[in-house]
Amino acid sequence: MLRMDLLPKAVWLALTGVALVQGVPFGAQFPQRGPRGQSDQGGPDGRGWSERDKQERLDRLTKSLAWWVNSPDPGIENVFLHARATDLLERTKQARGNNFQFDRLSRAVDALLRASERIFGAQKATKIDDNDKRNAAEFLQRCYFRVQQADYFAGLSGEKDTKKYVTYTRSLYQQARSAYDARQYDRAQMLGDASSLIVAALENIAHASLNIPDPPVIK
């Protein structure tokens, strides 16, 4: 079981976002099977998207989605994620005239595909390494707070199958906890990251549905 009293106080403040482990993006810690993603072109309010940027983004997401859909033994969670990513990608194409909605929906698709990547990676990650215990504990604590936001963003998203989003988010986190208890710390972090990424997708869908950009940053 995770020892809450052993975790740094800063962990309790990490209520949003996907954590970095040891300063390295978590996705870089295991072999990448699909096409590697590029950084977002648009700004926080959707500015900065040229038509060329949009087409490149759509092409990359389409290629990545095809890669994961054709991967063997996807599992029940990935079947769901791939179906939702396919639908969201079509919505993203239809939103090309609205930079903010395009930005948020494309981020949602990307988050679902990265969650799928983590799940596939977790299938092969069974190594026991006691040196990673503390990192895994801190990482899963942050994932726990993120998972608690699933219901909230699901309710705002207007997305169909919101209950399944929440169910799979929680299920992946519980699988991560089980992997942690089995001392499979790499697998625990991959599954925990997948649960957080699904919530990130719901958050972006909610933003797109409400069409409310982030507030401006004070400079």
Protein backbone atom coordinates (compact mmCIF):
# COMPACT_ATOMS: atom_id res chain seq x y z
CA MET A 1 0.00 0.00 0.00
CA LEU A 2 1.09 3.59 -0.61
CA ARG A 3 2.29 5.40 2.52
CA MET A 4 0.75 8.87 2.39
CA ASP A 5 2.85 10.07 5.29
CA LEU A 6 6.07 9.37 3.41
CA LEU A 7 5.23 11.53 0.41
CA PRO A 8 6.52 15.09 0.04
CA LYS A 9 4.01 17.85 0.74
CA ALA A 10 4.45 19.15 -2.79
CA VAL A 11 2.70 16.03 -4.07
CA TRP A 12 -0.54 17.13 -2.45
CA LEU A 13 -0.46 20.31 -4.52
CA ALA A 14 -0.13 18.50 -7.82
CA LEU A 15 -3.83 18.48 -8.63
CA THR A 16 -3.60 18.91 -12.40
CA GLY A 17 -1.47 17.88 -15.35
CA VAL A 18 0.57 14.79 -16.02
CA ALA A 19 3.73 14.51 -13.96
CA LEU A 20 7.31 14.18 -15.10
CA VAL A 21 9.38 11.48 -13.52
CA GLN A 22 12.98 12.45 -12.75
CA GLY A 23 12.67 15.39 -15.14
CA VAL A 24 12.12 13.14 -18.17
CA PRO A 25 8.77 12.87 -19.99
CA PHE A 26 7.33 9.54 -18.90
CA GLY A 27 6.66 8.38 -22.46
CA ALA A 28 10.39 8.41 -23.15
CA GLN A 29 11.05 5.71 -20.58
CA PHE A 30 10.02 2.80 -22.77
CA PRO A 31 10.28 2.04 -26.50
CA GLN A 32 7.88 4.02 -28.66
CA ARG A 33 5.92 1.75 -30.99
CA GLY A 34 3.92 4.36 -32.81
CA PRO A 35 4.81 7.53 -34.69
CA ARG A 36 6.33 9.98 -32.24
CA GLY A 37 4.23 13.05 -31.57
CA GLN A 38 5.22 16.63 -32.19
CA SER A 39 4.68 19.53 -29.81
CA ASP A 40 1.45 21.51 -30.13
CA GLN A 41 1.56 24.34 -32.64
CA GLY A 42 -1.22 26.47 -31.15
CA GLY A 43 -1.16 28.69 -28.10
CA PRO A 44 -3.32 28.21 -25.00
CA ASP A 45 -6.29 29.96 -26.60
CA GLY A 46 -5.92 28.27 -29.99
CA ARG A 47 -3.95 31.06 -31.65
CA GLY A 48 -1.02 30.25 -33.87
CA TRP A 49 -2.64 27.55 -36.03
CA SER A 50 -1.98 28.08 -39.71
CA GLU A 51 -3.80 25.91 -42.24
CA ARG A 52 -0.54 24.10 -42.88
CA ASP A 53 -0.10 23.45 -39.16
CA LYS A 54 -3.61 22.08 -38.94
CA GLN A 55 -3.10 19.70 -41.85
CA GLU A 56 0.20 18.47 -40.46
CA ARG A 57 -1.44 17.89 -37.09
CA LEU A 58 -4.33 15.98 -38.66
CA ASP A 59 -1.97 13.88 -40.75
CA ARG A 60 0.11 12.98 -37.71
CA LEU A 61 -2.93 12.06 -35.61
CA THR A 62 -4.41 10.01 -38.47
CA LYS A 63 -1.15 8.10 -38.91
CA SER A 64 -0.76 7.51 -35.19
CA LEU A 65 -4.37 6.35 -34.80
CA ALA A 66 -3.98 3.86 -37.67
CA TRP A 67 -0.83 2.51 -36.03
CA TRP A 68 -2.47 1.78 -32.70
CA VAL A 69 -5.75 0.49 -34.18
CA ASN A 70 -3.77 -2.10 -36.14
CA SER A 71 -1.70 -3.21 -33.14
CA PRO A 72 -2.42 -6.77 -31.97
CA ASP A 73 -4.20 -7.62 -28.71
CA PRO A 74 -5.34 -4.09 -27.86
CA GLY A 75 -7.42 -5.00 -24.81
CA ILE A 76 -10.84 -3.67 -23.82
CA GLU A 77 -9.59 -0.23 -22.75
CA ASN A 78 -7.76 0.40 -26.02
CA VAL A 79 -10.71 -0.74 -28.13
CA PHE A 80 -12.73 1.98 -26.40
CA LEU A 81 -9.98 4.61 -26.65
CA HIS A 82 -9.43 3.94 -30.34
CA ALA A 83 -13.15 4.22 -31.08
CA ARG A 84 -13.42 7.51 -29.21
CA ALA A 85 -10.23 8.85 -30.80
CA THR A 86 -11.62 8.02 -34.25
CA ASP A 87 -14.81 9.96 -33.53
CA LEU A 88 -12.94 12.89 -32.00
CA LEU A 89 -10.57 13.06 -34.96
CA GLU A 90 -13.56 13.53 -37.28
CA ARG A 91 -14.85 16.28 -34.98
CA THR A 92 -11.41 17.88 -35.09
CA LYS A 93 -11.49 17.95 -38.90
CA GLN A 94 -14.91 19.61 -38.80
CA ALA A 95 -13.63 22.23 -36.36
CA ARG A 96 -10.90 23.58 -38.64
CA GLY A 97 -12.71 26.90 -38.88
CA ASN A 98 -12.50 27.44 -35.12
CA ASN A 99 -8.90 27.55 -33.97
CA PHE A 100 -9.73 27.12 -30.29
CA GLN A 101 -11.98 24.11 -30.79
CA PHE A 102 -9.52 22.59 -33.27
CA ASP A 103 -6.72 23.00 -30.73
CA ARG A 104 -8.65 21.41 -27.85
CA LEU A 105 -10.11 18.54 -29.82
CA SER A 106 -6.74 17.70 -31.39
CA ARG A 107 -5.20 17.71 -27.91
CA ALA A 108 -7.94 15.33 -26.75
CA VAL A 109 -7.21 12.91 -29.60
CA ASP A 110 -3.49 13.11 -28.85
CA ALA A 111 -4.10 12.41 -25.15
CA LEU A 112 -6.17 9.32 -25.93
CA LEU A 113 -3.51 7.99 -28.28
CA ARG A 114 -0.79 8.56 -25.71
CA ALA A 115 -2.94 6.74 -23.14
CA SER A 116 -3.18 3.85 -25.59
CA GLU A 117 0.59 3.89 -25.99
CA ARG A 118 1.04 3.63 -22.23
CA ILE A 119 -1.36 0.70 -22.00
CA PHE A 120 0.48 -1.20 -24.74
CA GLY A 121 3.77 -0.47 -23.01
CA ALA A 122 2.42 -1.71 -19.69
CA GLN A 123 1.65 -5.09 -21.23
CA LYS A 124 5.37 -5.78 -21.51
CA ALA A 125 6.55 -4.00 -18.38
CA THR A 126 6.71 -6.59 -15.60
CA LYS A 127 10.17 -5.85 -14.23
CA ILE A 128 10.55 -5.72 -10.45
CA ASP A 129 12.89 -2.93 -9.37
CA ASP A 130 12.82 -1.76 -5.77
CA ASN A 131 14.89 1.32 -6.67
CA ASP A 132 11.86 2.82 -8.46
CA LYS A 133 9.48 2.43 -5.53
CA ARG A 134 9.53 6.02 -4.31
CA ASN A 135 9.27 7.50 -7.81
CA ALA A 136 6.30 5.25 -8.53
CA ALA A 137 4.64 6.18 -5.23
CA GLU A 138 4.94 9.90 -5.91
CA PHE A 139 3.80 9.48 -9.50
CA LEU A 140 0.72 7.46 -8.58
CA GLN A 141 -0.20 9.97 -5.90
CA ARG A 142 -0.36 12.68 -8.57
CA CYS A 143 -2.34 10.36 -10.83
CA TYR A 144 -4.80 9.76 -7.99
CA PHE A 145 -5.63 13.46 -7.78
CA ARG A 146 -6.01 13.65 -11.55
CA VAL A 147 -8.39 10.68 -11.61
CA GLN A 148 -10.60 12.44 -9.06
CA GLN A 149 -11.31 15.07 -11.73
CA ALA A 150 -12.72 12.55 -14.22
CA ASP A 151 -16.36 12.87 -13.17
CA TYR A 152 -16.20 16.67 -13.25
CA PHE A 153 -14.78 16.97 -16.74
CA ALA A 154 -16.94 14.13 -18.04
CA GLY A 155 -20.01 16.06 -16.90
CA LEU A 156 -18.88 19.19 -18.75
CA SER A 157 -17.70 17.47 -21.91
CA GLY A 158 -21.05 16.58 -23.44
CA GLU A 159 -19.25 13.48 -24.70
CA LYS A 160 -21.11 10.23 -25.20
CA ASP A 161 -20.09 7.21 -23.16
CA THR A 162 -18.88 9.46 -20.33
CA LYS A 163 -19.49 6.67 -17.82
CA LYS A 164 -17.09 4.43 -19.74
CA TYR A 165 -14.46 7.16 -19.76
CA VAL A 166 -14.70 7.39 -15.98
CA THR A 167 -14.88 3.62 -15.52
CA TYR A 168 -11.75 2.94 -17.58
CA THR A 169 -9.91 5.83 -15.96
CA ARG A 170 -10.52 4.38 -12.51
CA SER A 171 -9.87 0.83 -13.67
CA LEU A 172 -6.48 1.77 -15.10
CA TYR A 173 -5.55 3.52 -11.88
CA GLN A 174 -6.54 0.45 -9.85
CA GLN A 175 -4.45 -1.70 -12.19
CA ALA A 176 -1.58 0.69 -11.58
CA ARG A 177 -2.00 0.29 -7.83
CA SER A 178 -2.03 -3.49 -8.18
CA ALA A 179 1.17 -3.33 -10.24
CA TYR A 180 2.71 -1.12 -7.55
CA ASP A 181 1.80 -3.64 -4.84
CA ALA A 182 3.41 -6.35 -7.02
CA ARG A 183 6.58 -4.19 -7.20
CA GLN A 184 6.17 -3.75 -10.97
CA TYR A 185 6.92 -0.06 -10.78
CA ASP A 186 7.41 0.70 -14.48
CA ARG A 187 4.10 -0.92 -15.28
CA ALA A 188 2.43 0.95 -12.43
CA GLN A 189 3.60 4.29 -13.77
CA MET A 190 2.52 3.52 -17.34
CA LEU A 191 -0.98 2.54 -16.27
CA GLY A 192 -1.23 5.49 -13.91
CA ASP A 193 -0.15 7.81 -16.71
CA ALA A 194 -2.78 6.30 -19.00
CA SER A 195 -5.49 7.06 -16.45
CA SER A 196 -4.30 10.67 -16.17
CA LEU A 197 -4.18 11.11 -19.94
CA ILE A 198 -7.80 10.03 -20.31
CA VAL A 199 -8.78 12.75 -17.84
CA ALA A 200 -6.67 15.22 -19.85
CA ALA A 201 -8.68 14.23 -22.93
CA LEU A 202 -11.97 14.82 -21.09
CA GLU A 203 -10.74 18.22 -19.94
CA ASN A 204 -9.89 19.26 -23.49
CA ILE A 205 -13.22 17.98 -24.80
CA ALA A 206 -14.99 20.00 -22.10
CA HIS A 207 -13.10 23.15 -23.12
CA ALA A 208 -13.97 22.57 -26.77
CA SER A 209 -17.64 21.94 -25.98
CA LEU A 210 -17.94 25.13 -23.94
CA ASN A 211 -15.73 27.04 -26.41
CA ILE A 212 -14.24 29.04 -23.54
CA PRO A 213 -10.53 29.80 -24.02
CA ASP A 214 -8.15 29.86 -21.09
CA PRO A 215 -7.92 33.26 -19.36
CA PRO A 216 -5.03 35.43 -20.56
CA VAL A 217 -1.71 35.19 -18.78
CA ILE A 218 -0.66 38.29 -16.85
CA LYS A 219 2.77 39.41 -18.05
